[in-house]
Protein backbone atom coordinates (compact mmCIF):
# COMPACT_ATOMS: atom_id res chain seq x y z
CA UNK A 1 0.00 0.00 0.00
CA UNK A 2 1.41 3.34 -1.01
CA UNK A 3 -1.17 5.76 0.36
CA UNK A 4 -1.59 6.50 4.04
CA UNK A 5 -5.38 6.22 3.80
CA UNK A 6 -5.21 2.78 2.20
CA UNK A 7 -2.64 1.52 4.68
CA UNK A 8 -4.53 2.75 7.73
CA UNK A 9 -7.88 1.38 6.54
CA UNK A 10 -6.41 -2.04 5.78
CA UNK A 11 -4.61 -2.13 9.14
CA UNK A 12 -7.83 -1.27 10.98
CA UNK A 13 -9.66 -3.88 8.92
CA UNK A 14 -7.19 -6.60 9.89
CA UNK A 15 -7.35 -5.55 13.55
CA UNK A 16 -11.15 -5.73 13.59
CA UNK A 17 -11.07 -9.13 11.88
CA UNK A 18 -8.69 -10.48 14.52
CA UNK A 19 -10.95 -9.11 17.28
CA UNK A 20 -13.95 -10.76 15.60
CA UNK A 21 -12.13 -14.09 15.62
CA UNK A 22 -11.45 -13.54 19.31
CA UNK A 23 -15.19 -13.56 19.92
CA UNK A 24 -15.06 -17.34 19.45
CA UNK A 25 -13.84 -17.75 23.03
CA UNK A 26 -16.70 -15.58 24.25
CA UNK A 27 -19.15 -17.75 22.33
CA UNK A 28 -17.78 -20.88 24.04
CA UNK A 29 -17.98 -19.22 27.46
CA UNK A 30 -21.56 -17.98 27.10
CA UNK A 31 -23.94 -19.31 29.73
CA UNK A 32 -27.02 -19.62 27.52
CA UNK A 33 -28.10 -19.71 23.89
CA UNK A 34 -29.04 -16.04 23.75
CA UNK A 35 -25.56 -15.05 24.86
CA UNK A 36 -24.08 -17.28 22.18
CA UNK A 37 -26.36 -15.72 19.56
CA UNK A 38 -25.38 -12.22 20.70
CA UNK A 39 -21.67 -12.96 20.46
CA UNK A 40 -22.18 -14.60 17.08
CA UNK A 41 -23.99 -11.52 15.74
CA UNK A 42 -21.25 -9.31 17.18
CA UNK A 43 -18.59 -11.41 15.47
CA UNK A 44 -20.40 -11.39 12.12
CA UNK A 45 -20.98 -7.63 12.28
CA UNK A 46 -17.30 -7.02 13.08
CA UNK A 47 -16.24 -9.19 10.14
CA UNK A 48 -18.65 -7.29 7.87
CA UNK A 49 -17.19 -3.98 9.08
CA UNK A 50 -13.66 -5.26 8.46
CA UNK A 51 -14.63 -6.28 4.93
CA UNK A 52 -16.10 -2.85 4.17
CA UNK A 53 -12.99 -1.07 5.50
CA UNK A 54 -10.74 -3.30 3.40
CA UNK A 55 -12.80 -2.51 0.29
CA UNK A 56 -12.55 1.23 0.97
CA UNK A 57 -8.77 0.91 1.49
CA UNK A 58 -8.28 -0.92 -1.80
CA UNK A 59 -10.44 1.59 -3.67
CA UNK A 60 -8.29 4.41 -2.25
CA UNK A 61 -5.25 2.68 -3.74
CA UNK A 62 -7.01 2.31 -7.09
CA UNK A 63 -7.88 6.03 -7.09
CA UNK A 64 -4.20 6.86 -6.60
CA UNK A 65 -3.21 4.62 -9.50
CA UNK A 66 -5.86 6.19 -11.75
CA UNK A 67 -4.66 9.69 -10.82
CA UNK A 68 -1.10 8.77 -11.75
CA UNK A 69 -2.24 7.33 -15.07
CA UNK A 70 -4.15 10.52 -15.93
CA UNK A 71 -1.08 12.72 -15.61
CA UNK A 72 0.17 14.14 -18.89
CA UNK A 73 3.62 12.94 -19.81
CA UNK A 74 5.33 15.41 -22.10
CA UNK A 75 7.89 14.07 -24.56
CA UNK A 76 10.00 16.15 -26.91
CA UNK A 77 8.74 15.93 -30.50
CA UNK A 78 12.20 15.85 -32.05
CA UNK A 79 12.92 12.37 -30.59
CA UNK A 80 11.55 8.96 -31.42
CA UNK A 81 10.14 8.57 -27.89
CA UNK A 82 6.82 10.10 -28.87
CA UNK A 83 5.91 6.88 -30.73
CA UNK A 84 6.46 4.75 -27.62
CA UNK A 85 4.43 6.87 -25.20
CA UNK A 86 1.17 5.24 -24.20
PDB file of N, CA and C in Angstrom:
ATOM      1  N   UNK A   1       0.839  -1.168   0.000  1.00  0.00           N
ATOM      2  CA  UNK A   1       0.000   0.000   0.000  1.00  0.00           C
ATOM      3  C   UNK A   1       0.891   1.240   0.000  1.00  0.00           C
ATOM      4  N   UNK A   2       0.574   2.149  -0.885  1.00  0.00           N
ATOM      5  CA  UNK A   2       1.407   3.337  -1.007  1.00  0.00           C
ATOM      6  C   UNK A   2       0.763   4.581  -0.417  1.00  0.00           C
ATOM      7  N   UNK A   3      -0.550   4.584  -0.223  1.00  0.00           N
ATOM      8  CA  UNK A   3      -1.173   5.758   0.364  1.00  0.00           C
ATOM      9  C   UNK A   3      -1.393   5.521   1.854  1.00  0.00           C
ATOM     10  N   UNK A   4      -1.394   6.595   2.601  1.00  0.00           N
ATOM     11  CA  UNK A   4      -1.595   6.499   4.045  1.00  0.00           C
ATOM     12  C   UNK A   4      -3.026   6.035   4.328  1.00  0.00           C
ATOM     13  N   UNK A   5      -3.981   6.578   3.595  1.00  0.00           N
ATOM     14  CA  UNK A   5      -5.383   6.218   3.804  1.00  0.00           C
ATOM     15  C   UNK A   5      -5.595   4.723   3.582  1.00  0.00           C
ATOM     16  N   UNK A   6      -5.061   4.196   2.491  1.00  0.00           N
ATOM     17  CA  UNK A   6      -5.214   2.777   2.199  1.00  0.00           C
ATOM     18  C   UNK A   6      -4.547   1.901   3.240  1.00  0.00           C
ATOM     19  N   UNK A   7      -3.366   2.301   3.678  1.00  0.00           N
ATOM     20  CA  UNK A   7      -2.638   1.522   4.676  1.00  0.00           C
ATOM     21  C   UNK A   7      -3.363   1.499   6.009  1.00  0.00           C
ATOM     22  N   UNK A   8      -3.843   2.661   6.446  1.00  0.00           N
ATOM     23  CA  UNK A   8      -4.533   2.748   7.734  1.00  0.00           C
ATOM     24  C   UNK A   8      -5.841   1.962   7.702  1.00  0.00           C
ATOM     25  N   UNK A   9      -6.610   2.096   6.621  1.00  0.00           N
ATOM     26  CA  UNK A   9      -7.878   1.379   6.541  1.00  0.00           C
ATOM     27  C   UNK A   9      -7.671  -0.131   6.520  1.00  0.00           C
ATOM     28  N   UNK A  10      -6.676  -0.599   5.808  1.00  0.00           N
ATOM     29  CA  UNK A  10      -6.414  -2.039   5.777  1.00  0.00           C
ATOM     30  C   UNK A  10      -5.895  -2.542   7.125  1.00  0.00           C
ATOM     31  N   UNK A  11      -5.091  -1.735   7.814  1.00  0.00           N
ATOM     32  CA  UNK A  11      -4.613  -2.128   9.140  1.00  0.00           C
ATOM     33  C   UNK A  11      -5.774  -2.223  10.123  1.00  0.00           C
ATOM     34  N   UNK A  12      -6.662  -1.238  10.098  1.00  0.00           N
ATOM     35  CA  UNK A  12      -7.831  -1.269  10.983  1.00  0.00           C
ATOM     36  C   UNK A  12      -8.714  -2.463  10.640  1.00  0.00           C
ATOM     37  N   UNK A  13      -8.849  -2.742   9.355  1.00  0.00           N
ATOM     38  CA  UNK A  13      -9.656  -3.879   8.917  1.00  0.00           C
ATOM     39  C   UNK A  13      -9.105  -5.193   9.463  1.00  0.00           C
ATOM     40  N   UNK A  14      -7.804  -5.371   9.381  1.00  0.00           N
ATOM     41  CA  UNK A  14      -7.188  -6.597   9.890  1.00  0.00           C
ATOM     42  C   UNK A  14      -7.340  -6.687  11.408  1.00  0.00           C
ATOM     43  N   UNK A  15      -7.198  -5.556  12.095  1.00  0.00           N
ATOM     44  CA  UNK A  15      -7.346  -5.550  13.555  1.00  0.00           C
ATOM     45  C   UNK A  15      -8.763  -5.931  13.972  1.00  0.00           C
ATOM     46  N   UNK A  16      -9.758  -5.396  13.269  1.00  0.00           N
ATOM     47  CA  UNK A  16     -11.148  -5.730  13.593  1.00  0.00           C
ATOM     48  C   UNK A  16     -11.432  -7.198  13.292  1.00  0.00           C
ATOM     49  N   UNK A  17     -10.864  -7.725  12.213  1.00  0.00           N
ATOM     50  CA  UNK A  17     -11.070  -9.133  11.876  1.00  0.00           C
ATOM     51  C   UNK A  17     -10.467 -10.044  12.945  1.00  0.00           C
ATOM     52  N   UNK A  18      -9.303  -9.684  13.458  1.00  0.00           N
ATOM     53  CA  UNK A  18      -8.686 -10.475  14.525  1.00  0.00           C
ATOM     54  C   UNK A  18      -9.537 -10.411  15.791  1.00  0.00           C
ATOM     55  N   UNK A  19     -10.075  -9.240  16.104  1.00  0.00           N
ATOM     56  CA  UNK A  19     -10.952  -9.112  17.275  1.00  0.00           C
ATOM     57  C   UNK A  19     -12.232  -9.930  17.089  1.00  0.00           C
ATOM     58  N   UNK A  20     -12.738  -9.967  15.866  1.00  0.00           N
ATOM     59  CA  UNK A  20     -13.947 -10.761  15.597  1.00  0.00           C
ATOM     60  C   UNK A  20     -13.662 -12.252  15.787  1.00  0.00           C
ATOM     61  N   UNK A  21     -12.485 -12.688  15.395  1.00  0.00           N
ATOM     62  CA  UNK A  21     -12.130 -14.087  15.617  1.00  0.00           C
ATOM     63  C   UNK A  21     -11.957 -14.383  17.108  1.00  0.00           C
ATOM     64  N   UNK A  22     -11.575 -13.369  17.866  1.00  0.00           N
ATOM     65  CA  UNK A  22     -11.453 -13.542  19.310  1.00  0.00           C
ATOM     66  C   UNK A  22     -12.782 -13.713  20.007  1.00  0.00           C
ATOM     67  N   UNK A  23     -13.861 -13.372  19.334  1.00  0.00           N
ATOM     68  CA  UNK A  23     -15.193 -13.563  19.921  1.00  0.00           C
ATOM     69  C   UNK A  23     -15.542 -15.043  20.034  1.00  0.00           C
ATOM     70  N   UNK A  24     -14.802 -15.911  19.357  1.00  0.00           N
ATOM     71  CA  UNK A  24     -15.065 -17.342  19.451  1.00  0.00           C
ATOM     72  C   UNK A  24     -14.942 -17.858  20.874  1.00  0.00           C
ATOM     73  N   UNK A  25     -13.998 -17.347  21.632  1.00  0.00           N
ATOM     74  CA  UNK A  25     -13.837 -17.748  23.026  1.00  0.00           C
ATOM     75  C   UNK A  25     -15.017 -17.277  23.858  1.00  0.00           C
ATOM     76  N   UNK A  26     -15.525 -16.092  23.534  1.00  0.00           N
ATOM     77  CA  UNK A  26     -16.696 -15.582  24.255  1.00  0.00           C
ATOM     78  C   UNK A  26     -17.931 -16.415  23.938  1.00  0.00           C
ATOM     79  N   UNK A  27     -18.017 -16.898  22.701  1.00  0.00           N
ATOM     80  CA  UNK A  27     -19.153 -17.746  22.331  1.00  0.00           C
ATOM     81  C   UNK A  27     -19.099 -19.055  23.128  1.00  0.00           C
ATOM     82  N   UNK A  28     -17.915 -19.634  23.272  1.00  0.00           N
ATOM     83  CA  UNK A  28     -17.778 -20.875  24.043  1.00  0.00           C
ATOM     84  C   UNK A  28     -18.073 -20.663  25.521  1.00  0.00           C
ATOM     85  N   UNK A  29     -17.781 -19.489  26.037  1.00  0.00           N
ATOM     86  CA  UNK A  29     -17.981 -19.223  27.458  1.00  0.00           C
ATOM     87  C   UNK A  29     -19.352 -18.682  27.807  1.00  0.00           C
ATOM     88  N   UNK A  30     -20.224 -18.528  26.831  1.00  0.00           N
ATOM     89  CA  UNK A  30     -21.560 -17.983  27.104  1.00  0.00           C
ATOM     90  C   UNK A  30     -22.368 -18.979  27.928  1.00  0.00           C
ATOM     91  N   UNK A  31     -23.191 -18.436  28.820  1.00  0.00           N
ATOM     92  CA  UNK A  31     -23.942 -19.309  29.731  1.00  0.00           C
ATOM     93  C   UNK A  31     -25.236 -19.828  29.121  1.00  0.00           C
ATOM     94  N   UNK A  32     -25.782 -19.137  28.140  1.00  0.00           N
ATOM     95  CA  UNK A  32     -27.023 -19.616  27.521  1.00  0.00           C
ATOM     96  C   UNK A  32     -26.991 -19.376  26.018  1.00  0.00           C
ATOM     97  N   UNK A  33     -28.030 -19.824  25.343  1.00  0.00           N
ATOM     98  CA  UNK A  33     -28.095 -19.709  23.891  1.00  0.00           C
ATOM     99  C   UNK A  33     -28.210 -18.286  23.396  1.00  0.00           C
ATOM    100  N   UNK A  34     -28.901 -17.436  24.175  1.00  0.00           N
ATOM    101  CA  UNK A  34     -29.043 -16.036  23.750  1.00  0.00           C
ATOM    102  C   UNK A  34     -27.713 -15.306  23.801  1.00  0.00           C
ATOM    103  N   UNK A  35     -26.906 -15.632  24.777  1.00  0.00           N
ATOM    104  CA  UNK A  35     -25.564 -15.054  24.856  1.00  0.00           C
ATOM    105  C   UNK A  35     -24.706 -15.489  23.678  1.00  0.00           C
ATOM    106  N   UNK A  36     -24.819 -16.772  23.332  1.00  0.00           N
ATOM    107  CA  UNK A  36     -24.081 -17.275  22.175  1.00  0.00           C
ATOM    108  C   UNK A  36     -24.528 -16.576  20.894  1.00  0.00           C
ATOM    109  N   UNK A  37     -25.826 -16.400  20.744  1.00  0.00           N
ATOM    110  CA  UNK A  37     -26.358 -15.724  19.563  1.00  0.00           C
ATOM    111  C   UNK A  37     -25.886 -14.274  19.500  1.00  0.00           C
ATOM    112  N   UNK A  38     -25.854 -13.604  20.653  1.00  0.00           N
ATOM    113  CA  UNK A  38     -25.382 -12.220  20.703  1.00  0.00           C
ATOM    114  C   UNK A  38     -23.924 -12.102  20.288  1.00  0.00           C
ATOM    115  N   UNK A  39     -23.078 -12.989  20.835  1.00  0.00           N
ATOM    116  CA  UNK A  39     -21.666 -12.957  20.463  1.00  0.00           C
ATOM    117  C   UNK A  39     -21.452 -13.331  18.995  1.00  0.00           C
ATOM    118  N   UNK A  40     -22.279 -14.237  18.493  1.00  0.00           N
ATOM    119  CA  UNK A  40     -22.178 -14.603  17.076  1.00  0.00           C
ATOM    120  C   UNK A  40     -22.528 -13.414  16.187  1.00  0.00           C
ATOM    121  N   UNK A  41     -23.606 -12.706  16.522  1.00  0.00           N
ATOM    122  CA  UNK A  41     -23.991 -11.523  15.744  1.00  0.00           C
ATOM    123  C   UNK A  41     -22.927 -10.435  15.840  1.00  0.00           C
ATOM    124  N   UNK A  42     -22.336 -10.278  17.017  1.00  0.00           N
ATOM    125  CA  UNK A  42     -21.248  -9.307  17.181  1.00  0.00           C
ATOM    126  C   UNK A  42     -20.065  -9.680  16.296  1.00  0.00           C
ATOM    127  N   UNK A  43     -19.714 -10.946  16.280  1.00  0.00           N
ATOM    128  CA  UNK A  43     -18.588 -11.406  15.466  1.00  0.00           C
ATOM    129  C   UNK A  43     -18.855 -11.200  13.982  1.00  0.00           C
ATOM    130  N   UNK A  44     -20.054 -11.546  13.527  1.00  0.00           N
ATOM    131  CA  UNK A  44     -20.397 -11.389  12.116  1.00  0.00           C
ATOM    132  C   UNK A  44     -20.415  -9.914  11.726  1.00  0.00           C
ATOM    133  N   UNK A  45     -20.944  -9.062  12.597  1.00  0.00           N
ATOM    134  CA  UNK A  45     -20.977  -7.630  12.275  1.00  0.00           C
ATOM    135  C   UNK A  45     -19.570  -7.037  12.241  1.00  0.00           C
ATOM    136  N   UNK A  46     -18.680  -7.502  13.110  1.00  0.00           N
ATOM    137  CA  UNK A  46     -17.298  -7.024  13.084  1.00  0.00           C
ATOM    138  C   UNK A  46     -16.590  -7.480  11.806  1.00  0.00           C
ATOM    139  N   UNK A  47     -16.840  -8.714  11.380  1.00  0.00           N
ATOM    140  CA  UNK A  47     -16.239  -9.192  10.138  1.00  0.00           C
ATOM    141  C   UNK A  47     -16.764  -8.405   8.940  1.00  0.00           C
ATOM    142  N   UNK A  48     -18.054  -8.082   8.949  1.00  0.00           N
ATOM    143  CA  UNK A  48     -18.647  -7.291   7.873  1.00  0.00           C
ATOM    144  C   UNK A  48     -18.026  -5.892   7.837  1.00  0.00           C
ATOM    145  N   UNK A  49     -17.835  -5.292   9.000  1.00  0.00           N
ATOM    146  CA  UNK A  49     -17.193  -3.977   9.081  1.00  0.00           C
ATOM    147  C   UNK A  49     -15.758  -4.043   8.573  1.00  0.00           C
ATOM    148  N   UNK A  50     -15.044  -5.087   8.926  1.00  0.00           N
ATOM    149  CA  UNK A  50     -13.664  -5.257   8.458  1.00  0.00           C
ATOM    150  C   UNK A  50     -13.623  -5.392   6.944  1.00  0.00           C
ATOM    151  N   UNK A  51     -14.573  -6.119   6.382  1.00  0.00           N
ATOM    152  CA  UNK A  51     -14.630  -6.284   4.934  1.00  0.00           C
ATOM    153  C   UNK A  51     -14.884  -4.955   4.240  1.00  0.00           C
ATOM    154  N   UNK A  52     -15.803  -4.160   4.766  1.00  0.00           N
ATOM    155  CA  UNK A  52     -16.099  -2.851   4.167  1.00  0.00           C
ATOM    156  C   UNK A  52     -14.880  -1.935   4.235  1.00  0.00           C
ATOM    157  N   UNK A  53     -14.186  -1.915   5.367  1.00  0.00           N
ATOM    158  CA  UNK A  53     -12.995  -1.071   5.495  1.00  0.00           C
ATOM    159  C   UNK A  53     -11.895  -1.507   4.534  1.00  0.00           C
ATOM    160  N   UNK A  54     -11.744  -2.815   4.343  1.00  0.00           N
ATOM    161  CA  UNK A  54     -10.740  -3.301   3.396  1.00  0.00           C
ATOM    162  C   UNK A  54     -11.092  -2.881   1.971  1.00  0.00           C
ATOM    163  N   UNK A  55     -12.370  -2.935   1.625  1.00  0.00           N
ATOM    164  CA  UNK A  55     -12.801  -2.514   0.287  1.00  0.00           C
ATOM    165  C   UNK A  55     -12.533  -1.031   0.078  1.00  0.00           C
ATOM    166  N   UNK A  56     -12.804  -0.210   1.081  1.00  0.00           N
ATOM    167  CA  UNK A  56     -12.546   1.232   0.972  1.00  0.00           C
ATOM    168  C   UNK A  56     -11.046   1.494   0.834  1.00  0.00           C
ATOM    169  N   UNK A  57     -10.227   0.749   1.583  1.00  0.00           N
ATOM    170  CA  UNK A  57      -8.772   0.914   1.494  1.00  0.00           C
ATOM    171  C   UNK A  57      -8.236   0.560   0.122  1.00  0.00           C
ATOM    172  N   UNK A  58      -8.733  -0.517  -0.463  1.00  0.00           N
ATOM    173  CA  UNK A  58      -8.277  -0.920  -1.796  1.00  0.00           C
ATOM    174  C   UNK A  58      -8.750   0.074  -2.850  1.00  0.00           C
ATOM    175  N   UNK A  59      -9.964   0.603  -2.697  1.00  0.00           N
ATOM    176  CA  UNK A  59     -10.440   1.592  -3.671  1.00  0.00           C
ATOM    177  C   UNK A  59      -9.636   2.885  -3.578  1.00  0.00           C
ATOM    178  N   UNK A  60      -9.149   3.224  -2.386  1.00  0.00           N
ATOM    179  CA  UNK A  60      -8.292   4.406  -2.248  1.00  0.00           C
ATOM    180  C   UNK A  60      -6.988   4.199  -3.014  1.00  0.00           C
ATOM    181  N   UNK A  61      -6.462   2.982  -2.969  1.00  0.00           N
ATOM    182  CA  UNK A  61      -5.251   2.678  -3.736  1.00  0.00           C
ATOM    183  C   UNK A  61      -5.521   2.765  -5.240  1.00  0.00           C
ATOM    184  N   UNK A  62      -6.669   2.260  -5.663  1.00  0.00           N
ATOM    185  CA  UNK A  62      -7.012   2.313  -7.087  1.00  0.00           C
ATOM    186  C   UNK A  62      -7.187   3.746  -7.570  1.00  0.00           C
ATOM    187  N   UNK A  63      -7.741   4.606  -6.730  1.00  0.00           N
ATOM    188  CA  UNK A  63      -7.878   6.025  -7.091  1.00  0.00           C
ATOM    189  C   UNK A  63      -6.512   6.660  -7.309  1.00  0.00           C
ATOM    190  N   UNK A  64      -5.551   6.314  -6.460  1.00  0.00           N
ATOM    191  CA  UNK A  64      -4.205   6.860  -6.603  1.00  0.00           C
ATOM    192  C   UNK A  64      -3.590   6.406  -7.918  1.00  0.00           C
ATOM    193  N   UNK A  65      -3.764   5.147  -8.252  1.00  0.00           N
ATOM    194  CA  UNK A  65      -3.214   4.623  -9.500  1.00  0.00           C
ATOM    195  C   UNK A  65      -3.857   5.309 -10.701  1.00  0.00           C
ATOM    196  N   UNK A  66      -5.173   5.510 -10.655  1.00  0.00           N
ATOM    197  CA  UNK A  66      -5.865   6.192 -11.755  1.00  0.00           C
ATOM    198  C   UNK A  66      -5.394   7.631 -11.900  1.00  0.00           C
ATOM    199  N   UNK A  67      -5.153   8.312 -10.768  1.00  0.00           N
ATOM    200  CA  UNK A  67      -4.663   9.687 -10.817  1.00  0.00           C
ATOM    201  C   UNK A  67      -3.292   9.754 -11.466  1.00  0.00           C
ATOM    202  N   UNK A  68      -2.427   8.786 -11.138  1.00  0.00           N
ATOM    203  CA  UNK A  68      -1.099   8.766 -11.750  1.00  0.00           C
ATOM    204  C   UNK A  68      -1.175   8.501 -13.244  1.00  0.00           C
ATOM    205  N   UNK A  69      -2.113   7.657 -13.651  1.00  0.00           N
ATOM    206  CA  UNK A  69      -2.239   7.333 -15.071  1.00  0.00           C
ATOM    207  C   UNK A  69      -2.818   8.493 -15.876  1.00  0.00           C
ATOM    208  N   UNK A  70      -3.567   9.381 -15.226  1.00  0.00           N
ATOM    209  CA  UNK A  70      -4.151  10.521 -15.933  1.00  0.00           C
ATOM    210  C   UNK A  70      -3.180  11.676 -16.135  1.00  0.00           C
ATOM    211  N   UNK A  71      -2.043  11.642 -15.469  1.00  0.00           N
ATOM    212  CA  UNK A  71      -1.076  12.720 -15.613  1.00  0.00           C
ATOM    213  C   UNK A  71      -0.553  12.764 -17.041  1.00  0.00           C
ATOM    214  N   UNK A  72      -0.343  13.958 -17.535  1.00  0.00           N
ATOM    215  CA  UNK A  72       0.171  14.137 -18.891  1.00  0.00           C
ATOM    216  C   UNK A  72       1.683  13.994 -18.857  1.00  0.00           C
ATOM    217  N   UNK A  73       2.177  13.131 -19.716  1.00  0.00           N
ATOM    218  CA  UNK A  73       3.619  12.941 -19.813  1.00  0.00           C
ATOM    219  C   UNK A  73       4.088  13.619 -21.100  1.00  0.00           C
ATOM    220  N   UNK A  74       4.868  14.650 -20.939  1.00  0.00           N
ATOM    221  CA  UNK A  74       5.332  15.406 -22.104  1.00  0.00           C
ATOM    222  C   UNK A  74       6.645  14.821 -22.611  1.00  0.00           C
ATOM    223  N   UNK A  75       6.706  14.618 -23.919  1.00  0.00           N
ATOM    224  CA  UNK A  75       7.892  14.074 -24.561  1.00  0.00           C
ATOM    225  C   UNK A  75       8.263  15.018 -25.697  1.00  0.00           C
ATOM    226  N   UNK A  76       9.542  15.256 -25.844  1.00  0.00           N
ATOM    227  CA  UNK A  76       9.997  16.145 -26.915  1.00  0.00           C
ATOM    228  C   UNK A  76       9.637  15.549 -28.271  1.00  0.00           C
ATOM    229  N   UNK A  77       9.193  16.397 -29.193  1.00  0.00           N
ATOM    230  CA  UNK A  77       8.744  15.925 -30.505  1.00  0.00           C
ATOM    231  C   UNK A  77       9.902  15.608 -31.444  1.00  0.00           C
ATOM    232  N   UNK A  78      11.088  16.088 -31.150  1.00  0.00           N
ATOM    233  CA  UNK A  78      12.204  15.852 -32.050  1.00  0.00           C
ATOM    234  C   UNK A  78      12.905  14.511 -31.776  1.00  0.00           C
ATOM    235  N   UNK A  79      12.348  13.696 -30.875  1.00  0.00           N
ATOM    236  CA  UNK A  79      12.924  12.374 -30.594  1.00  0.00           C
ATOM    237  C   UNK A  79      11.956  11.290 -31.050  1.00  0.00           C
ATOM    238  N   UNK A  80      12.395  10.082 -31.043  1.00  0.00           N
ATOM    239  CA  UNK A  80      11.551   8.962 -31.420  1.00  0.00           C
ATOM    240  C   UNK A  80      10.719   8.441 -30.238  1.00  0.00           C
ATOM    241  N   UNK A  81      10.882   9.026 -29.074  1.00  0.00           N
ATOM    242  CA  UNK A  81      10.145   8.566 -27.893  1.00  0.00           C
ATOM    243  C   UNK A  81       8.661   8.818 -28.003  1.00  0.00           C
ATOM    244  N   UNK A  82       8.236   9.774 -28.812  1.00  0.00           N
ATOM    245  CA  UNK A  82       6.818  10.104 -28.870  1.00  0.00           C
ATOM    246  C   UNK A  82       6.005   8.933 -29.432  1.00  0.00           C
ATOM    247  N   UNK A  83       6.628   8.040 -30.194  1.00  0.00           N
ATOM    248  CA  UNK A  83       5.914   6.880 -30.727  1.00  0.00           C
ATOM    249  C   UNK A  83       5.667   5.835 -29.652  1.00  0.00           C
ATOM    250  N   UNK A  84       6.555   5.785 -28.660  1.00  0.00           N
ATOM    251  CA  UNK A  84       6.465   4.748 -27.622  1.00  0.00           C
ATOM    252  C   UNK A  84       5.620   5.153 -26.428  1.00  0.00           C
ATOM    253  N   UNK A  85       5.217   6.402 -26.347  1.00  0.00           N
ATOM    254  CA  UNK A  85       4.428   6.866 -25.205  1.00  0.00           C
ATOM    255  C   UNK A  85       3.022   6.305 -25.315  1.00  0.00           C
ATOM    256  N   UNK A  86       2.508   5.832 -24.187  1.00  0.00           N
ATOM    257  CA  UNK A  86       1.166   5.241 -24.199  1.00  0.00           C
ATOM    258  C   UNK A  86       0.187   6.167 -23.545  1.00  0.00           C
TER     259      UNK A  86
END
